Amino acid sequence: MESFFFGVFEIILIDLVLAGDNACVIAMAARRLRGRQRFTGIVLGA
């Protein structure tokens, strides 16, 4: 039972790290866009 919770915690932690990484990549890609294009890029990238 203890190993199950450790496994779930590990999956959640990995998911959070990868989500943060994706947010950084989307922000770097969208930073050079202007106005509406930036908004659209962020929304579609997320």
N, C-alpha and C. Protein backbone atom coordinates (compact mmCIF):
# COMPACT_ATOMS: atom_id res chain seq x y z
N MET A 1 0.83 -1.20 0.00
CA MET A 1 0.00 0.00 0.00
C MET A 1 0.87 1.26 0.00
N GLU A 2 1.94 1.22 0.76
CA GLU A 2 2.84 2.37 0.85
C GLU A 2 3.52 2.64 -0.49
N SER A 3 3.88 1.58 -1.20
CA SER A 3 4.53 1.75 -2.50
C SER A 3 3.56 2.33 -3.52
N PHE A 4 2.28 2.03 -3.38
CA PHE A 4 1.27 2.60 -4.28
C PHE A 4 1.23 4.12 -4.15
N PHE A 5 1.18 4.61 -2.92
CA PHE A 5 1.13 6.05 -2.71
C PHE A 5 2.42 6.73 -3.15
N PHE A 6 3.54 6.06 -2.96
CA PHE A 6 4.82 6.60 -3.43
C PHE A 6 4.81 6.71 -4.95
N GLY A 7 4.27 5.70 -5.62
CA GLY A 7 4.17 5.71 -7.07
C GLY A 7 3.28 6.83 -7.58
N VAL A 8 2.14 7.02 -6.93
CA VAL A 8 1.22 8.09 -7.31
C VAL A 8 1.88 9.45 -7.11
N PHE A 9 2.55 9.63 -5.99
CA PHE A 9 3.25 10.88 -5.71
C PHE A 9 4.33 11.14 -6.75
N GLU A 10 5.05 10.11 -7.14
CA GLU A 10 6.11 10.23 -8.14
C GLU A 10 5.54 10.66 -9.49
N ILE A 11 4.42 10.08 -9.89
CA ILE A 11 3.78 10.44 -11.16
C ILE A 11 3.31 11.89 -11.12
N ILE A 12 2.71 12.32 -10.02
CA ILE A 12 2.24 13.70 -9.89
C ILE A 12 3.41 14.66 -9.96
N LEU A 13 4.50 14.35 -9.30
CA LEU A 13 5.68 15.22 -9.31
C LEU A 13 6.27 15.33 -10.72
N ILE A 14 6.39 14.24 -11.43
CA ILE A 14 6.91 14.26 -12.80
C ILE A 14 5.98 15.07 -13.70
N ASP A 15 4.68 14.90 -13.53
CA ASP A 15 3.71 15.66 -14.33
C ASP A 15 3.84 17.16 -14.09
N LEU A 16 4.02 17.57 -12.86
CA LEU A 16 4.19 18.99 -12.55
C LEU A 16 5.46 19.57 -13.15
N VAL A 17 6.54 18.80 -13.11
CA VAL A 17 7.80 19.27 -13.69
C VAL A 17 7.66 19.44 -15.20
N LEU A 18 7.05 18.47 -15.86
CA LEU A 18 6.88 18.55 -17.31
C LEU A 18 5.91 19.66 -17.71
N ALA A 19 4.90 19.91 -16.91
CA ALA A 19 3.97 21.01 -17.20
C ALA A 19 4.68 22.35 -17.10
N GLY A 20 5.52 22.50 -16.10
CA GLY A 20 6.29 23.74 -15.96
C GLY A 20 7.24 23.95 -17.12
N ASP A 21 7.85 22.88 -17.58
CA ASP A 21 8.76 22.94 -18.72
C ASP A 21 8.00 23.37 -19.97
N ASN A 22 6.82 22.81 -20.18
CA ASN A 22 6.00 23.18 -21.34
C ASN A 22 5.60 24.65 -21.28
N ALA A 23 5.27 25.14 -20.11
CA ALA A 23 4.89 26.54 -19.97
C ALA A 23 6.05 27.46 -20.35
N CYS A 24 7.25 27.09 -19.97
CA CYS A 24 8.44 27.89 -20.34
C CYS A 24 8.65 27.90 -21.84
N VAL A 25 8.50 26.77 -22.48
CA VAL A 25 8.69 26.69 -23.93
C VAL A 25 7.64 27.51 -24.66
N ILE A 26 6.39 27.43 -24.23
CA ILE A 26 5.32 28.21 -24.85
C ILE A 26 5.57 29.70 -24.66
N ALA A 27 5.99 30.10 -23.48
CA ALA A 27 6.27 31.51 -23.22
C ALA A 27 7.41 32.02 -24.09
N MET A 28 8.46 31.22 -24.25
CA MET A 28 9.58 31.64 -25.08
C MET A 28 9.18 31.74 -26.55
N ALA A 29 8.31 30.85 -27.00
CA ALA A 29 7.87 30.88 -28.39
C ALA A 29 6.93 32.06 -28.65
N ALA A 30 6.12 32.42 -27.66
CA ALA A 30 5.12 33.46 -27.85
C ALA A 30 5.64 34.86 -27.56
N ARG A 31 6.79 34.99 -26.96
CA ARG A 31 7.26 36.31 -26.53
C ARG A 31 7.52 37.26 -27.69
N ARG A 32 7.81 36.74 -28.86
CA ARG A 32 8.09 37.61 -30.00
C ARG A 32 6.85 37.93 -30.82
N LEU A 33 5.74 37.31 -30.49
CA LEU A 33 4.49 37.60 -31.21
C LEU A 33 3.87 38.88 -30.66
N ARG A 34 2.97 39.45 -31.42
CA ARG A 34 2.33 40.69 -31.00
C ARG A 34 0.84 40.48 -30.72
N GLY A 35 0.36 41.18 -29.73
CA GLY A 35 -1.06 41.28 -29.40
C GLY A 35 -1.86 40.00 -29.49
N ARG A 36 -2.78 40.00 -30.45
CA ARG A 36 -3.72 38.88 -30.60
C ARG A 36 -3.00 37.57 -30.93
N GLN A 37 -1.93 37.65 -31.72
CA GLN A 37 -1.17 36.44 -32.06
C GLN A 37 -0.54 35.83 -30.81
N ARG A 38 -0.04 36.67 -29.92
CA ARG A 38 0.56 36.17 -28.68
C ARG A 38 -0.49 35.45 -27.84
N PHE A 39 -1.65 36.09 -27.70
CA PHE A 39 -2.73 35.48 -26.93
C PHE A 39 -3.14 34.14 -27.53
N THR A 40 -3.30 34.11 -28.85
CA THR A 40 -3.70 32.88 -29.53
C THR A 40 -2.64 31.80 -29.37
N GLY A 41 -1.38 32.17 -29.49
CA GLY A 41 -0.30 31.20 -29.33
C GLY A 41 -0.25 30.61 -27.94
N ILE A 42 -0.46 31.43 -26.94
CA ILE A 42 -0.45 30.94 -25.56
C ILE A 42 -1.65 30.03 -25.30
N VAL A 43 -2.82 30.43 -25.78
CA VAL A 43 -4.03 29.63 -25.55
C VAL A 43 -3.94 28.29 -26.27
N LEU A 44 -3.52 28.31 -27.53
CA LEU A 44 -3.43 27.06 -28.28
C LEU A 44 -2.27 26.19 -27.81
N GLY A 45 -1.22 26.82 -27.30
CA GLY A 45 -0.08 26.05 -26.81
C GLY A 45 -0.35 25.39 -25.47
N ALA A 46 -1.27 25.95 -24.72
CA ALA A 46 -1.55 25.41 -23.39
C ALA A 46 -2.51 24.30 -23.44
